[in-house]
Amino acid sequence: MARPTLLAATLLLVGVATLTSGCATLGLEHPPTADPATPTVQRSSARPTAPTTSPVLTEAQARAALITDTDLGAPWTPTQGAATWRDGMLKATASVPDCQKLLDALYADELLGGPARAVVGLDDPDAGAQLRYQLGGSGPAEVDARLAWLKTMPQKCARFTAEATGDAVLDAQVSELPLPEVGDVRQGLRVTLTIWATAEKNPGGDPTALTLDVAAVRAGEDAFALTNGGLNDAPNEATQAAVQLGVRRLTEVRQQGKVAV
């Protein structure tokens, strides 16, 4: 059953359309235009330069563009530390190079191909889930190439095995995850890592399964990625809300940071 606060936030955001026209798409107000020149001011023959934005977010802007536990609502809280399953199941070795690359990117929080500029971790103690959200530092071309690679994962790594901590064997499955149609380019994945009970390990026990929602989105010059997962399940409504909130937050930060050149 969806949590009331998060469900309300998700329903409020469902109407957000694809980000094709800046702040107008998200219902934000345009900044006021400059006052017209008075008749006593001599006009230059040069065409005035329209306000623009810096192609790179400042450190303060990158931090401001992160989503928070307040955005997602209860029971999400600031993280208390990396989830134990990160080392136990994501730090694993696969024989297929692309699948190993995916596992490494998930473990290192480098889904966009390089170190993140800003990262936030949020915990859902009720579901035992953790959401990690990052702002990328690469340019649009590099991000698009990374998104194109992620799109191939459901074919290249639909199912593979990997060896995790303590010689545990992971049965890994990767499939497409639909995302809200926001931003310019996006890719979602559902990654499931299962350790099956065997006669040698946990005889008669239940399997241990880690489910991860993975999302990466580019909006203009900026991009973000997130993982949202937990043992046995991932609260998908939080993933959908975080994607929409992420694009909205980037738009707001860009609009507030407009400068005249």
C-alpha atoms as a PDB file:
ATOM      1  CA  MET A   1       0.000   0.000   0.000  1.00  0.00           C
ATOM      2  CA  ALA A   2       1.589   3.346  -1.062  1.00  0.00           C
ATOM      3  CA  ARG A   3       2.420   5.699   1.773  1.00  0.00           C
ATOM      4  CA  PRO A   4      -0.017   8.695   1.832  1.00  0.00           C
ATOM      5  CA  THR A   5       2.610  11.430   1.773  1.00  0.00           C
ATOM      6  CA  LEU A   6       4.695   9.936  -1.033  1.00  0.00           C
ATOM      7  CA  LEU A   7       1.619   8.914  -3.045  1.00  0.00           C
ATOM      8  CA  ALA A   8       0.285  12.482  -2.861  1.00  0.00           C
ATOM      9  CA  ALA A   9       3.633  13.852  -3.986  1.00  0.00           C
ATOM     10  CA  THR A  10       3.787  11.369  -6.851  1.00  0.00           C
ATOM     11  CA  LEU A  11       0.240  12.169  -8.019  1.00  0.00           C
ATOM     12  CA  LEU A  12       1.024  15.879  -7.876  1.00  0.00           C
ATOM     13  CA  LEU A  13       3.994  15.317 -10.186  1.00  0.00           C
ATOM     14  CA  VAL A  14       2.319  13.003 -12.702  1.00  0.00           C
ATOM     15  CA  GLY A  15       1.304  15.933 -14.843  1.00  0.00           C
ATOM     16  CA  VAL A  16       4.884  17.056 -15.413  1.00  0.00           C
ATOM     17  CA  ALA A  17       5.491  16.924 -19.180  1.00  0.00           C
ATOM     18  CA  THR A  18       8.707  16.350 -21.099  1.00  0.00           C
ATOM     19  CA  LEU A  19      11.223  19.086 -20.487  1.00  0.00           C
ATOM     20  CA  THR A  20      11.305  20.702 -23.932  1.00  0.00           C
ATOM     21  CA  SER A  21      10.700  24.357 -23.166  1.00  0.00           C
ATOM     22  CA  GLY A  22      12.561  25.125 -19.940  1.00  0.00           C
ATOM     23  CA  CYS A  23      10.657  26.421 -16.970  1.00  0.00           C
ATOM     24  CA  ALA A  24       7.384  26.835 -18.906  1.00  0.00           C
ATOM     25  CA  THR A  25       7.087  23.050 -19.225  1.00  0.00           C
ATOM     26  CA  LEU A  26       7.119  22.631 -15.446  1.00  0.00           C
ATOM     27  CA  GLY A  27       4.769  25.534 -14.778  1.00  0.00           C
ATOM     28  CA  LEU A  28       7.486  27.771 -13.333  1.00  0.00           C
ATOM     29  CA  GLU A  29       7.368  31.528 -13.736  1.00  0.00           C
ATOM     30  CA  HIS A  30       9.782  33.167 -16.151  1.00  0.00           C
ATOM     31  CA  PRO A  31      12.062  35.777 -14.557  1.00  0.00           C
ATOM     32  CA  PRO A  32      10.931  39.374 -15.180  1.00  0.00           C
ATOM     33  CA  THR A  33      12.386  41.035 -18.257  1.00  0.00           C
ATOM     34  CA  ALA A  34      14.682  44.047 -17.952  1.00  0.00           C
ATOM     35  CA  ASP A  35      13.168  47.548 -17.962  1.00  0.00           C
ATOM     36  CA  PRO A  36      13.135  49.158 -21.429  1.00  0.00           C
ATOM     37  CA  ALA A  37      15.716  51.834 -22.156  1.00  0.00           C
ATOM     38  CA  THR A  38      14.604  55.425 -21.651  1.00  0.00           C
ATOM     39  CA  PRO A  39      14.597  57.884 -24.596  1.00  0.00           C
ATOM     40  CA  THR A  40      17.586  59.753 -23.147  1.00  0.00           C
ATOM     41  CA  VAL A  41      19.832  56.685 -23.319  1.00  0.00           C
ATOM     42  CA  GLN A  42      21.825  56.300 -26.545  1.00  0.00           C
ATOM     43  CA  ARG A  43      21.233  52.852 -27.979  1.00  0.00           C
ATOM     44  CA  SER A  44      24.123  50.776 -29.218  1.00  0.00           C
ATOM     45  CA  SER A  45      23.948  49.377 -32.741  1.00  0.00           C
ATOM     46  CA  ALA A  46      25.130  46.003 -31.404  1.00  0.00           C
ATOM     47  CA  ARG A  47      22.454  43.387 -30.778  1.00  0.00           C
ATOM     48  CA  PRO A  48      21.996  42.825 -27.012  1.00  0.00           C
ATOM     49  CA  THR A  49      23.004  39.447 -25.722  1.00  0.00           C
ATOM     50  CA  ALA A  50      20.189  37.442 -24.150  1.00  0.00           C
ATOM     51  CA  PRO A  51      20.618  36.139 -20.626  1.00  0.00           C
ATOM     52  CA  THR A  52      22.160  32.711 -20.539  1.00  0.00           C
ATOM     53  CA  THR A  53      23.290  30.150 -18.017  1.00  0.00           C
ATOM     54  CA  SER A  54      26.696  28.806 -17.237  1.00  0.00           C
ATOM     55  CA  PRO A  55      27.226  25.393 -18.899  1.00  0.00           C
ATOM     56  CA  VAL A  56      28.545  24.066 -15.608  1.00  0.00           C
ATOM     57  CA  LEU A  57      26.719  24.210 -12.283  1.00  0.00           C
ATOM     58  CA  THR A  58      28.638  25.784  -9.433  1.00  0.00           C
ATOM     59  CA  GLU A  59      29.256  23.654  -6.359  1.00  0.00           C
ATOM     60  CA  ALA A  60      26.489  25.508  -4.531  1.00  0.00           C
ATOM     61  CA  GLN A  61      24.079  24.960  -7.433  1.00  0.00           C
ATOM     62  CA  ALA A  62      24.936  21.259  -7.598  1.00  0.00           C
ATOM     63  CA  ARG A  63      24.146  20.869  -3.899  1.00  0.00           C
ATOM     64  CA  ALA A  64      20.922  22.865  -4.315  1.00  0.00           C
ATOM     65  CA  ALA A  65      19.849  20.565  -7.158  1.00  0.00           C
ATOM     66  CA  LEU A  66      19.917  17.458  -4.941  1.00  0.00           C
ATOM     67  CA  ILE A  67      16.593  16.074  -3.776  1.00  0.00           C
ATOM     68  CA  THR A  68      15.973  15.695  -0.045  1.00  0.00           C
ATOM     69  CA  ASP A  69      13.989  13.573   2.371  1.00  0.00           C
ATOM     70  CA  THR A  70      11.526  16.480   2.609  1.00  0.00           C
ATOM     71  CA  ASP A  71      10.854  16.166  -1.119  1.00  0.00           C
ATOM     72  CA  LEU A  72       9.952  12.478  -0.830  1.00  0.00           C
ATOM     73  CA  GLY A  73       8.164  12.787   2.503  1.00  0.00           C
ATOM     74  CA  ALA A  74       7.856  10.320   5.383  1.00  0.00           C
ATOM     75  CA  PRO A  75       9.237   7.776   6.103  1.00  0.00           C
ATOM     76  CA  TRP A  76      12.328   8.890   4.112  1.00  0.00           C
ATOM     77  CA  THR A  77      15.125  10.322   6.246  1.00  0.00           C
ATOM     78  CA  PRO A  78      18.768  11.371   5.695  1.00  0.00           C
ATOM     79  CA  THR A  79      20.872   8.231   5.447  1.00  0.00           C
ATOM     80  CA  GLN A  80      22.567   6.723   8.486  1.00  0.00           C
ATOM     81  CA  GLY A  81      25.320   5.225   6.334  1.00  0.00           C
ATOM     82  CA  ALA A  82      25.818   2.882   3.406  1.00  0.00           C
ATOM     83  CA  ALA A  83      23.458  -0.095   3.413  1.00  0.00           C
ATOM     84  CA  THR A  84      25.098  -3.378   4.408  1.00  0.00           C
ATOM     85  CA  TRP A  85      24.036  -4.988   1.128  1.00  0.00           C
ATOM     86  CA  ARG A  86      26.265  -2.599  -0.852  1.00  0.00           C
ATOM     87  CA  ASP A  87      29.429  -4.474   0.149  1.00  0.00           C
ATOM     88  CA  GLY A  88      27.671  -7.791   0.519  1.00  0.00           C
ATOM     89  CA  MET A  89      26.076  -7.920  -2.943  1.00  0.00           C
ATOM     90  CA  LEU A  90      27.206  -5.050  -5.184  1.00  0.00           C
ATOM     91  CA  LYS A  91      30.914  -5.649  -4.619  1.00  0.00           C
ATOM     92  CA  ALA A  92      30.959  -8.665  -6.903  1.00  0.00           C
ATOM     93  CA  THR A  93      32.901 -10.161  -9.796  1.00  0.00           C
ATOM     94  CA  ALA A  94      31.324 -11.146 -13.123  1.00  0.00           C
ATOM     95  CA  SER A  95      32.979 -12.867 -16.080  1.00  0.00           C
ATOM     96  CA  VAL A  96      31.209 -10.721 -18.714  1.00  0.00           C
ATOM     97  CA  PRO A  97      33.020  -7.348 -19.062  1.00  0.00           C
ATOM     98  CA  ASP A  98      29.885  -5.232 -19.588  1.00  0.00           C
ATOM     99  CA  CYS A  99      28.149  -6.853 -16.625  1.00  0.00           C
ATOM    100  CA  GLN A 100      31.222  -6.236 -14.476  1.00  0.00           C
ATOM    101  CA  LYS A 101      31.208  -2.608 -15.625  1.00  0.00           C
ATOM    102  CA  LEU A 102      27.575  -2.288 -14.531  1.00  0.00           C
ATOM    103  CA  LEU A 103      28.250  -3.786 -11.099  1.00  0.00           C
ATOM    104  CA  ASP A 104      31.259  -1.490 -10.636  1.00  0.00           C
ATOM    105  CA  ALA A 105      29.204   1.575 -11.599  1.00  0.00           C
ATOM    106  CA  LEU A 106      26.454   0.629  -9.142  1.00  0.00           C
ATOM    107  CA  TYR A 107      28.906   0.039  -6.314  1.00  0.00           C
ATOM    108  CA  ALA A 108      30.947   3.212  -6.935  1.00  0.00           C
ATOM    109  CA  ASP A 109      27.965   5.508  -7.621  1.00  0.00           C
ATOM    110  CA  GLU A 110      29.383   6.287 -11.078  1.00  0.00           C
ATOM    111  CA  LEU A 111      26.436   5.478 -13.323  1.00  0.00           C
ATOM    112  CA  LEU A 112      27.144   8.559 -15.450  1.00  0.00           C
ATOM    113  CA  GLY A 113      30.704   7.504 -16.161  1.00  0.00           C
ATOM    114  CA  GLY A 114      32.715   9.479 -13.634  1.00  0.00           C
ATOM    115  CA  PRO A 115      32.782  10.750 -10.059  1.00  0.00           C
ATOM    116  CA  ALA A 116      29.612  12.588  -9.074  1.00  0.00           C
ATOM    117  CA  ARG A 117      29.682  16.316  -8.336  1.00  0.00           C
ATOM    118  CA  ALA A 118      27.201  15.965  -5.475  1.00  0.00           C
ATOM    119  CA  VAL A 119      25.613  12.923  -3.820  1.00  0.00           C
ATOM    120  CA  VAL A 120      22.867  12.434  -1.255  1.00  0.00           C
ATOM    121  CA  GLY A 121      21.702   9.258   0.478  1.00  0.00           C
ATOM    122  CA  LEU A 122      18.187   8.738   1.851  1.00  0.00           C
ATOM    123  CA  ASP A 123      16.806   5.836   3.894  1.00  0.00           C
ATOM    124  CA  ASP A 124      13.328   4.339   4.138  1.00  0.00           C
ATOM    125  CA  PRO A 125      13.537   2.477   7.465  1.00  0.00           C
ATOM    126  CA  ASP A 126      10.061   0.996   7.040  1.00  0.00           C
ATOM    127  CA  ALA A 127      10.992  -0.839   3.834  1.00  0.00           C
ATOM    128  CA  GLY A 128      14.694  -1.182   4.624  1.00  0.00           C
ATOM    129  CA  ALA A 129      15.437   0.663   1.379  1.00  0.00           C
ATOM    130  CA  GLN A 130      18.136   3.165   0.477  1.00  0.00           C
ATOM    131  CA  LEU A 131      18.052   5.748  -2.300  1.00  0.00           C
ATOM    132  CA  ARG A 132      21.312   7.296  -3.528  1.00  0.00           C
ATOM    133  CA  TYR A 133      21.033  10.321  -5.817  1.00  0.00           C
ATOM    134  CA  GLN A 134      23.931  11.949  -7.662  1.00  0.00           C
ATOM    135  CA  LEU A 135      24.579  14.944  -9.927  1.00  0.00           C
ATOM    136  CA  GLY A 136      26.960  14.067 -12.746  1.00  0.00           C
ATOM    137  CA  GLY A 137      30.007  16.090 -13.742  1.00  0.00           C
ATOM    138  CA  SER A 138      30.307  15.023 -17.399  1.00  0.00           C
ATOM    139  CA  GLY A 139      29.128  16.962 -20.448  1.00  0.00           C
ATOM    140  CA  PRO A 140      26.004  16.114 -22.497  1.00  0.00           C
ATOM    141  CA  ALA A 141      27.890  14.073 -25.123  1.00  0.00           C
ATOM    142  CA  GLU A 142      29.564  11.880 -22.486  1.00  0.00           C
ATOM    143  CA  VAL A 143      26.291  11.470 -20.597  1.00  0.00           C
ATOM    144  CA  ASP A 144      24.366  10.509 -23.740  1.00  0.00           C
ATOM    145  CA  ALA A 145      27.007   7.903 -24.574  1.00  0.00           C
ATOM    146  CA  ARG A 146      26.665   6.479 -21.066  1.00  0.00           C
ATOM    147  CA  LEU A 147      22.875   6.406 -21.318  1.00  0.00           C
ATOM    148  CA  ALA A 148      23.145   4.601 -24.656  1.00  0.00           C
ATOM    149  CA  TRP A 149      25.377   2.004 -22.972  1.00  0.00           C
ATOM    150  CA  LEU A 150      22.935   1.558 -20.079  1.00  0.00           C
ATOM    151  CA  LYS A 151      20.179   0.977 -22.636  1.00  0.00           C
ATOM    152  CA  THR A 152      22.040  -2.110 -23.883  1.00  0.00           C
ATOM    153  CA  MET A 153      22.180  -3.754 -20.461  1.00  0.00           C
ATOM    154  CA  PRO A 154      18.825  -5.597 -20.672  1.00  0.00           C
ATOM    155  CA  GLN A 155      20.181  -7.358 -23.779  1.00  0.00           C
ATOM    156  CA  LYS A 156      23.867  -7.797 -22.882  1.00  0.00           C
ATOM    157  CA  CYS A 157      23.297  -8.643 -19.216  1.00  0.00           C
ATOM    158  CA  ALA A 158      19.730  -9.926 -19.129  1.00  0.00           C
ATOM    159  CA  ARG A 159      20.936 -12.736 -16.864  1.00  0.00           C
ATOM    160  CA  PHE A 160      24.424 -13.492 -15.560  1.00  0.00           C
ATOM    161  CA  THR A 161      26.198 -14.825 -12.493  1.00  0.00           C
ATOM    162  CA  ALA A 162      28.683 -13.049 -10.267  1.00  0.00           C
ATOM    163  CA  GLU A 163      30.720 -13.995  -7.226  1.00  0.00           C
ATOM    164  CA  ALA A 164      30.124 -11.815  -4.168  1.00  0.00           C
ATOM    165  CA  THR A 165      31.544 -11.613  -0.654  1.00  0.00           C
ATOM    166  CA  GLY A 166      32.114 -14.962   1.046  1.00  0.00           C
ATOM    167  CA  ASP A 167      32.046 -16.891  -2.243  1.00  0.00           C
ATOM    168  CA  ALA A 168      28.319 -16.269  -2.549  1.00  0.00           C
ATOM    169  CA  VAL A 169      27.055 -16.748  -6.111  1.00  0.00           C
ATOM    170  CA  LEU A 170      24.694 -14.068  -7.364  1.00  0.00           C
ATOM    171  CA  ASP A 171      22.012 -14.806  -9.931  1.00  0.00           C
ATOM    172  CA  ALA A 172      21.701 -11.390 -11.617  1.00  0.00           C
ATOM    173  CA  GLN A 173      18.884 -10.207 -13.872  1.00  0.00           C
ATOM    174  CA  VAL A 174      18.603  -6.848 -15.651  1.00  0.00           C
ATOM    175  CA  SER A 175      15.452  -5.521 -17.332  1.00  0.00           C
ATOM    176  CA  GLU A 176      14.054  -2.254 -18.647  1.00  0.00           C
ATOM    177  CA  LEU A 177      12.422   0.083 -16.122  1.00  0.00           C
ATOM    178  CA  PRO A 178       9.897   2.615 -17.495  1.00  0.00           C
ATOM    179  CA  LEU A 179      10.525   6.186 -16.329  1.00  0.00           C
ATOM    180  CA  PRO A 180       8.455   9.380 -16.463  1.00  0.00           C
ATOM    181  CA  GLU A 181       8.986  11.174 -19.791  1.00  0.00           C
ATOM    182  CA  VAL A 182      10.883  14.141 -18.369  1.00  0.00           C
ATOM    183  CA  GLY A 183      14.250  15.578 -19.326  1.00  0.00           C
ATOM    184  CA  ASP A 184      15.829  15.164 -22.751  1.00  0.00           C
ATOM    185  CA  VAL A 185      17.268  11.632 -22.531  1.00  0.00           C
ATOM    186  CA  ARG A 186      16.617   9.006 -19.885  1.00  0.00           C
ATOM    187  CA  GLN A 187      17.204   5.338 -19.118  1.00  0.00           C
ATOM    188  CA  GLY A 188      15.816   3.096 -16.395  1.00  0.00           C
ATOM    189  CA  LEU A 189      16.832  -0.398 -15.323  1.00  0.00           C
ATOM    190  CA  ARG A 190      15.560  -2.923 -12.801  1.00  0.00           C
ATOM    191  CA  VAL A 191      18.455  -4.989 -11.412  1.00  0.00           C
ATOM    192  CA  THR A 192      17.777  -8.046  -9.258  1.00  0.00           C
ATOM    193  CA  LEU A 193      20.593  -9.923  -7.497  1.00  0.00           C
ATOM    194  CA  THR A 194      19.601 -13.198  -5.823  1.00  0.00           C
ATOM    195  CA  ILE A 195      21.572 -15.585  -3.625  1.00  0.00           C
ATOM    196  CA  TRP A 196      19.731 -18.899  -3.664  1.00  0.00           C
ATOM    197  CA  ALA A 197      19.744 -21.104  -0.594  1.00  0.00           C
ATOM    198  CA  THR A 198      21.742 -24.317  -1.094  1.00  0.00           C
ATOM    199  CA  ALA A 199      22.509 -27.434   0.904  1.00  0.00           C
ATOM    200  CA  GLU A 200      25.954 -25.998   1.662  1.00  0.00           C
ATOM    201  CA  LYS A 201      24.837 -22.423   2.381  1.00  0.00           C
ATOM    202  CA  ASN A 202      21.681 -21.743   4.376  1.00  0.00           C
ATOM    203  CA  PRO A 203      20.079 -25.156   3.793  1.00  0.00           C
ATOM    204  CA  GLY A 204      16.316 -24.941   3.748  1.00  0.00           C
ATOM    205  CA  GLY A 205      16.440 -21.161   3.973  1.00  0.00           C
ATOM    206  CA  ASP A 206      14.867 -18.500   1.818  1.00  0.00           C
ATOM    207  CA  PRO A 207      16.815 -16.811  -0.984  1.00  0.00           C
ATOM    208  CA  THR A 208      18.305 -13.370  -0.401  1.00  0.00           C
ATOM    209  CA  ALA A 209      17.302 -10.937  -3.144  1.00  0.00           C
ATOM    210  CA  LEU A 210      18.409  -7.351  -3.677  1.00  0.00           C
ATOM    211  CA  THR A 211      16.172  -5.313  -5.978  1.00  0.00           C
ATOM    212  CA  LEU A 212      17.518  -2.054  -7.417  1.00  0.00           C
ATOM    213  CA  ASP A 213      15.717   0.595  -9.422  1.00  0.00           C
ATOM    214  CA  VAL A 214      18.280   2.442 -11.554  1.00  0.00           C
ATOM    215  CA  ALA A 215      17.538   5.730 -13.319  1.00  0.00           C
ATOM    216  CA  ALA A 216      19.716   8.184 -15.253  1.00  0.00           C
ATOM    217  CA  VAL A 217      18.425  11.388 -16.859  1.00  0.00           C
ATOM    218  CA  ARG A 218      19.935  14.268 -18.818  1.00  0.00           C
ATOM    219  CA  ALA A 219      18.092  17.602 -18.780  1.00  0.00           C
ATOM    220  CA  GLY A 220      19.845  20.175 -20.936  1.00  0.00           C
ATOM    221  CA  GLU A 221      23.485  20.513 -19.877  1.00  0.00           C
ATOM    222  CA  ASP A 222      22.903  18.666 -16.592  1.00  0.00           C
ATOM    223  CA  ALA A 223      22.365  15.039 -15.627  1.00  0.00           C
ATOM    224  CA  PHE A 224      21.564  12.990 -12.567  1.00  0.00           C
ATOM    225  CA  ALA A 225      21.361   9.316 -11.684  1.00  0.00           C
ATOM    226  CA  LEU A 226      19.919   7.362  -8.816  1.00  0.00           C
ATOM    227  CA  THR A 227      19.703   3.895  -7.368  1.00  0.00           C
ATOM    228  CA  ASN A 228      16.834   2.914  -5.093  1.00  0.00           C
ATOM    229  CA  GLY A 229      16.891  -0.542  -3.616  1.00  0.00           C
ATOM    230  CA  GLY A 230      16.397  -2.901  -0.777  1.00  0.00           C
ATOM    231  CA  LEU A 231      16.367  -6.566   0.086  1.00  0.00           C
ATOM    232  CA  ASN A 232      13.405  -8.301  -1.537  1.00  0.00           C
ATOM    233  CA  ASP A 233      11.841  -5.089  -2.913  1.00  0.00           C
ATOM    234  CA  ALA A 234      12.376  -1.465  -3.958  1.00  0.00           C
ATOM    235  CA  PRO A 235       9.726   1.241  -3.394  1.00  0.00           C
ATOM    236  CA  ASN A 236       9.207   2.105  -7.082  1.00  0.00           C
ATOM    237  CA  GLU A 237       6.922   5.063  -6.360  1.00  0.00           C
ATOM    238  CA  ALA A 238       9.926   6.791  -4.776  1.00  0.00           C
ATOM    239  CA  THR A 239      11.963   6.185  -7.933  1.00  0.00           C
ATOM    240  CA  GLN A 240       9.284   7.717 -10.144  1.00  0.00           C
ATOM    241  CA  ALA A 241       8.880  10.724  -7.853  1.00  0.00           C
ATOM    242  CA  ALA A 242      12.644  11.257  -7.551  1.00  0.00           C
ATOM    243  CA  VAL A 243      13.073  11.333 -11.347  1.00  0.00           C
ATOM    244  CA  GLN A 244      10.396  13.990 -11.765  1.00  0.00           C
ATOM    245  CA  LEU A 245      11.597  15.976  -8.763  1.00  0.00           C
ATOM    246  CA  GLY A 246      15.170  15.809 -10.055  1.00  0.00           C
ATOM    247  CA  VAL A 247      14.306  17.441 -13.388  1.00  0.00           C
ATOM    248  CA  ARG A 248      12.157  20.064 -11.667  1.00  0.00           C
ATOM    249  CA  ARG A 249      14.922  20.900  -9.195  1.00  0.00           C
ATOM    250  CA  LEU A 250      17.510  21.293 -11.975  1.00  0.00           C
ATOM    251  CA  THR A 251      15.156  23.614 -13.856  1.00  0.00           C
ATOM    252  CA  GLU A 252      14.605  25.760 -10.779  1.00  0.00           C
ATOM    253  CA  VAL A 253      18.325  25.992 -10.055  1.00  0.00           C
ATOM    254  CA  ARG A 254      19.084  26.954 -13.648  1.00  0.00           C
ATOM    255  CA  GLN A 255      16.367  29.610 -13.720  1.00  0.00           C
ATOM    256  CA  GLN A 256      17.519  31.117 -10.430  1.00  0.00           C
ATOM    257  CA  GLY A 257      21.133  31.166 -11.659  1.00  0.00           C
ATOM    258  CA  LYS A 258      20.546  33.006 -14.943  1.00  0.00           C
ATOM    259  CA  VAL A 259      23.143  35.710 -15.571  1.00  0.00           C
ATOM    260  CA  ALA A 260      23.531  38.275 -18.299  1.00  0.00           C
ATOM    261  CA  VAL A 261      26.656  37.908 -20.435  1.00  0.00           C
END
